[in-house]
Amino acid sequence: MTKKRSPPPPNPRTSDVKEDRNGTASSSTGVFAAACPGCLLYVITLKTNPKCPSCNSIVPSPSATKKPRIDLNASL
């Protein structure tokens, strides 16, 4: 009598998480974490519906708030 082996646990999908040029991980699922301006908490929200689950205020996307880089060594 032999025991049947159970299938191995599924491997975590690493293809969903990609690394940006800045070295931060971004998810392709459309979810981001940011600070809510209404209740001042960090929340995880959807890119399609960026509302805070606590106070329902709109959470700005971190990619929309990036400041442009200024090259101080550029010649005019």
N, C-alpha and C. Protein backbone atom coordinates (compact mmCIF):
# COMPACT_ATOMS: atom_id res chain seq x y z
N MET A 1 0.84 -1.17 0.00
CA MET A 1 0.00 0.00 0.00
C MET A 1 0.89 1.24 0.00
N THR A 2 0.69 2.11 -0.97
CA THR A 2 1.49 3.33 -1.05
C THR A 2 0.59 4.53 -0.83
N LYS A 3 1.19 5.56 -0.26
CA LYS A 3 0.43 6.80 -0.02
C LYS A 3 0.49 7.67 -1.26
N LYS A 4 -0.60 8.31 -1.56
CA LYS A 4 -0.61 9.25 -2.66
C LYS A 4 -0.07 10.58 -2.16
N ARG A 5 0.74 11.16 -2.98
CA ARG A 5 1.32 12.46 -2.62
C ARG A 5 0.35 13.57 -2.97
N SER A 6 0.29 14.52 -2.11
CA SER A 6 -0.54 15.68 -2.41
C SER A 6 0.22 16.60 -3.36
N PRO A 7 -0.47 17.34 -4.17
CA PRO A 7 0.23 18.23 -5.10
C PRO A 7 0.99 19.30 -4.32
N PRO A 8 2.12 19.77 -4.86
CA PRO A 8 2.88 20.80 -4.16
C PRO A 8 2.09 22.10 -4.10
N PRO A 9 2.35 22.92 -3.09
CA PRO A 9 1.63 24.20 -2.99
C PRO A 9 1.99 25.08 -4.17
N PRO A 10 1.05 25.90 -4.63
CA PRO A 10 1.34 26.76 -5.78
C PRO A 10 2.42 27.78 -5.43
N ASN A 11 3.24 28.06 -6.42
CA ASN A 11 4.31 29.04 -6.23
C ASN A 11 3.70 30.44 -6.23
N PRO A 12 4.23 31.35 -5.41
CA PRO A 12 3.73 32.73 -5.45
C PRO A 12 4.03 33.34 -6.81
N ARG A 13 3.07 34.05 -7.32
CA ARG A 13 3.25 34.64 -8.64
C ARG A 13 4.07 35.90 -8.52
N THR A 14 5.27 35.84 -9.04
CA THR A 14 6.15 37.00 -9.00
C THR A 14 5.99 37.87 -10.23
N SER A 15 5.21 37.40 -11.21
CA SER A 15 5.04 38.19 -12.42
C SER A 15 4.11 39.38 -12.20
N ASP A 16 3.31 39.38 -11.12
CA ASP A 16 2.41 40.49 -10.86
C ASP A 16 3.13 41.72 -10.33
N VAL A 17 4.28 41.53 -9.70
CA VAL A 17 5.00 42.65 -9.11
C VAL A 17 6.20 42.97 -9.99
N LYS A 18 6.27 44.22 -10.42
CA LYS A 18 7.36 44.67 -11.26
C LYS A 18 8.08 45.80 -10.56
N GLU A 19 9.35 45.99 -10.90
CA GLU A 19 10.14 47.02 -10.25
C GLU A 19 10.26 48.22 -11.17
N ASP A 20 10.00 49.40 -10.63
CA ASP A 20 10.12 50.63 -11.40
C ASP A 20 11.58 51.02 -11.57
N ARG A 21 11.81 52.10 -12.31
CA ARG A 21 13.17 52.61 -12.46
C ARG A 21 13.72 53.12 -11.13
N ASN A 22 12.84 53.58 -10.26
CA ASN A 22 13.27 54.11 -8.97
C ASN A 22 13.59 53.01 -7.97
N GLY A 23 13.30 51.76 -8.31
CA GLY A 23 13.57 50.66 -7.39
C GLY A 23 12.39 50.29 -6.52
N THR A 24 11.26 50.94 -6.73
CA THR A 24 10.08 50.62 -5.94
C THR A 24 9.26 49.59 -6.70
N ALA A 25 8.60 48.74 -5.97
CA ALA A 25 7.78 47.69 -6.58
C ALA A 25 6.41 48.24 -6.89
N SER A 26 5.93 47.95 -8.07
CA SER A 26 4.58 48.34 -8.43
C SER A 26 3.83 47.11 -8.88
N SER A 27 2.58 47.10 -8.63
CA SER A 27 1.76 45.95 -8.96
C SER A 27 0.98 46.22 -10.23
N SER A 28 0.82 45.20 -11.03
CA SER A 28 0.06 45.35 -12.26
C SER A 28 -1.43 45.14 -12.02
N THR A 29 -1.84 44.97 -10.78
CA THR A 29 -3.25 44.73 -10.49
C THR A 29 -4.05 46.01 -10.36
N GLY A 30 -3.43 47.17 -10.39
CA GLY A 30 -4.17 48.42 -10.31
C GLY A 30 -4.41 48.89 -8.89
N VAL A 31 -3.56 48.50 -7.97
CA VAL A 31 -3.70 48.88 -6.56
C VAL A 31 -2.49 49.72 -6.17
N PHE A 32 -2.72 50.76 -5.38
CA PHE A 32 -1.61 51.57 -4.88
C PHE A 32 -1.88 52.01 -3.45
N ALA A 33 -0.82 52.35 -2.76
CA ALA A 33 -0.91 52.84 -1.38
C ALA A 33 -0.50 54.31 -1.37
N ALA A 34 -1.26 55.12 -0.66
CA ALA A 34 -0.97 56.54 -0.58
C ALA A 34 -1.60 57.11 0.68
N ALA A 35 -1.22 58.34 0.99
CA ALA A 35 -1.77 59.03 2.16
C ALA A 35 -3.08 59.71 1.78
N CYS A 36 -4.09 59.52 2.61
CA CYS A 36 -5.39 60.15 2.39
C CYS A 36 -5.33 61.58 2.93
N PRO A 37 -5.71 62.57 2.13
CA PRO A 37 -5.69 63.95 2.63
C PRO A 37 -6.82 64.25 3.60
N GLY A 38 -7.85 63.44 3.62
CA GLY A 38 -8.99 63.68 4.50
C GLY A 38 -8.77 63.20 5.92
N CYS A 39 -8.36 61.93 6.07
CA CYS A 39 -8.21 61.37 7.42
C CYS A 39 -6.74 61.15 7.80
N LEU A 40 -5.82 61.51 6.91
CA LEU A 40 -4.37 61.44 7.16
C LEU A 40 -3.88 60.03 7.51
N LEU A 41 -4.47 59.03 6.86
CA LEU A 41 -4.04 57.64 7.04
C LEU A 41 -3.48 57.13 5.72
N TYR A 42 -2.57 56.17 5.82
CA TYR A 42 -2.13 55.48 4.62
C TYR A 42 -3.18 54.43 4.28
N VAL A 43 -3.63 54.44 3.03
CA VAL A 43 -4.66 53.51 2.59
C VAL A 43 -4.20 52.81 1.32
N ILE A 44 -4.71 51.61 1.11
CA ILE A 44 -4.49 50.88 -0.13
C ILE A 44 -5.79 50.96 -0.90
N THR A 45 -5.73 51.50 -2.10
CA THR A 45 -6.93 51.72 -2.89
C THR A 45 -6.71 51.35 -4.34
N LEU A 46 -7.77 51.26 -5.10
CA LEU A 46 -7.70 50.90 -6.51
C LEU A 46 -7.40 52.13 -7.37
N LYS A 47 -6.71 51.90 -8.48
CA LYS A 47 -6.46 53.01 -9.40
C LYS A 47 -7.73 53.42 -10.12
N THR A 48 -8.65 52.48 -10.30
CA THR A 48 -9.90 52.81 -10.98
C THR A 48 -10.89 53.54 -10.09
N ASN A 49 -10.77 53.37 -8.76
CA ASN A 49 -11.66 54.03 -7.81
C ASN A 49 -10.82 54.50 -6.62
N PRO A 50 -10.11 55.62 -6.77
CA PRO A 50 -9.18 56.05 -5.71
C PRO A 50 -9.84 56.77 -4.55
N LYS A 51 -10.74 56.09 -3.86
CA LYS A 51 -11.40 56.68 -2.70
C LYS A 51 -10.93 56.00 -1.43
N CYS A 52 -10.81 56.78 -0.38
CA CYS A 52 -10.41 56.27 0.93
C CYS A 52 -11.54 55.41 1.49
N PRO A 53 -11.24 54.21 1.98
CA PRO A 53 -12.30 53.38 2.55
C PRO A 53 -12.83 53.92 3.88
N SER A 54 -12.09 54.79 4.55
CA SER A 54 -12.53 55.33 5.83
C SER A 54 -13.43 56.54 5.69
N CYS A 55 -12.99 57.51 4.87
CA CYS A 55 -13.72 58.78 4.80
C CYS A 55 -14.28 59.10 3.41
N ASN A 56 -14.07 58.23 2.43
CA ASN A 56 -14.56 58.38 1.05
C ASN A 56 -14.04 59.61 0.31
N SER A 57 -12.92 60.19 0.76
CA SER A 57 -12.33 61.29 0.00
C SER A 57 -11.43 60.71 -1.08
N ILE A 58 -11.19 61.47 -2.13
CA ILE A 58 -10.37 61.00 -3.24
C ILE A 58 -8.90 61.06 -2.85
N VAL A 59 -8.20 59.93 -3.03
CA VAL A 59 -6.78 59.82 -2.68
C VAL A 59 -5.97 60.07 -3.93
N PRO A 60 -5.06 61.04 -3.94
CA PRO A 60 -4.26 61.30 -5.14
C PRO A 60 -3.25 60.18 -5.38
N SER A 61 -3.10 59.83 -6.63
CA SER A 61 -2.16 58.78 -7.02
C SER A 61 -0.73 59.27 -6.82
N PRO A 62 0.17 58.42 -6.32
CA PRO A 62 1.55 58.86 -6.13
C PRO A 62 2.25 59.19 -7.44
N SER A 63 1.85 58.58 -8.55
CA SER A 63 2.48 58.89 -9.83
C SER A 63 2.06 60.27 -10.33
N ALA A 64 0.88 60.74 -9.93
CA ALA A 64 0.41 62.06 -10.35
C ALA A 64 1.09 63.17 -9.56
N THR A 65 1.65 62.85 -8.40
CA THR A 65 2.25 63.89 -7.56
C THR A 65 3.77 63.95 -7.68
N LYS A 66 4.34 63.24 -8.65
CA LYS A 66 5.79 63.28 -8.81
C LYS A 66 6.22 64.65 -9.32
N LYS A 67 7.28 65.15 -8.76
CA LYS A 67 7.81 66.42 -9.20
C LYS A 67 8.76 66.19 -10.37
N PRO A 68 8.76 67.10 -11.34
CA PRO A 68 9.69 66.92 -12.47
C PRO A 68 11.13 67.14 -12.03
N ARG A 69 12.00 66.37 -12.62
CA ARG A 69 13.42 66.53 -12.31
C ARG A 69 13.98 67.73 -13.06
N ILE A 70 14.76 68.52 -12.38
CA ILE A 70 15.37 69.70 -12.97
C ILE A 70 16.87 69.47 -13.05
N ASP A 71 17.40 69.58 -14.25
CA ASP A 71 18.84 69.41 -14.43
C ASP A 71 19.50 70.78 -14.21
N LEU A 72 20.23 70.91 -13.11
CA LEU A 72 20.88 72.18 -12.78
C LEU A 72 22.13 72.43 -13.62
N ASN A 73 22.62 71.39 -14.28
CA ASN A 73 23.81 71.54 -15.10
C ASN A 73 23.49 71.75 -16.57
N ALA A 74 22.24 71.90 -16.92
CA ALA A 74 21.85 72.09 -18.31
C ALA A 74 22.24 73.50 -18.76
N SER A 75 22.77 73.57 -19.97
CA SER A 75 23.14 74.89 -20.51
C SER A 75 21.98 75.45 -21.29
N LEU A 76 21.86 76.77 -21.26
CA LEU A 76 20.76 77.44 -21.97
C LEU A 76 21.13 77.80 -23.33
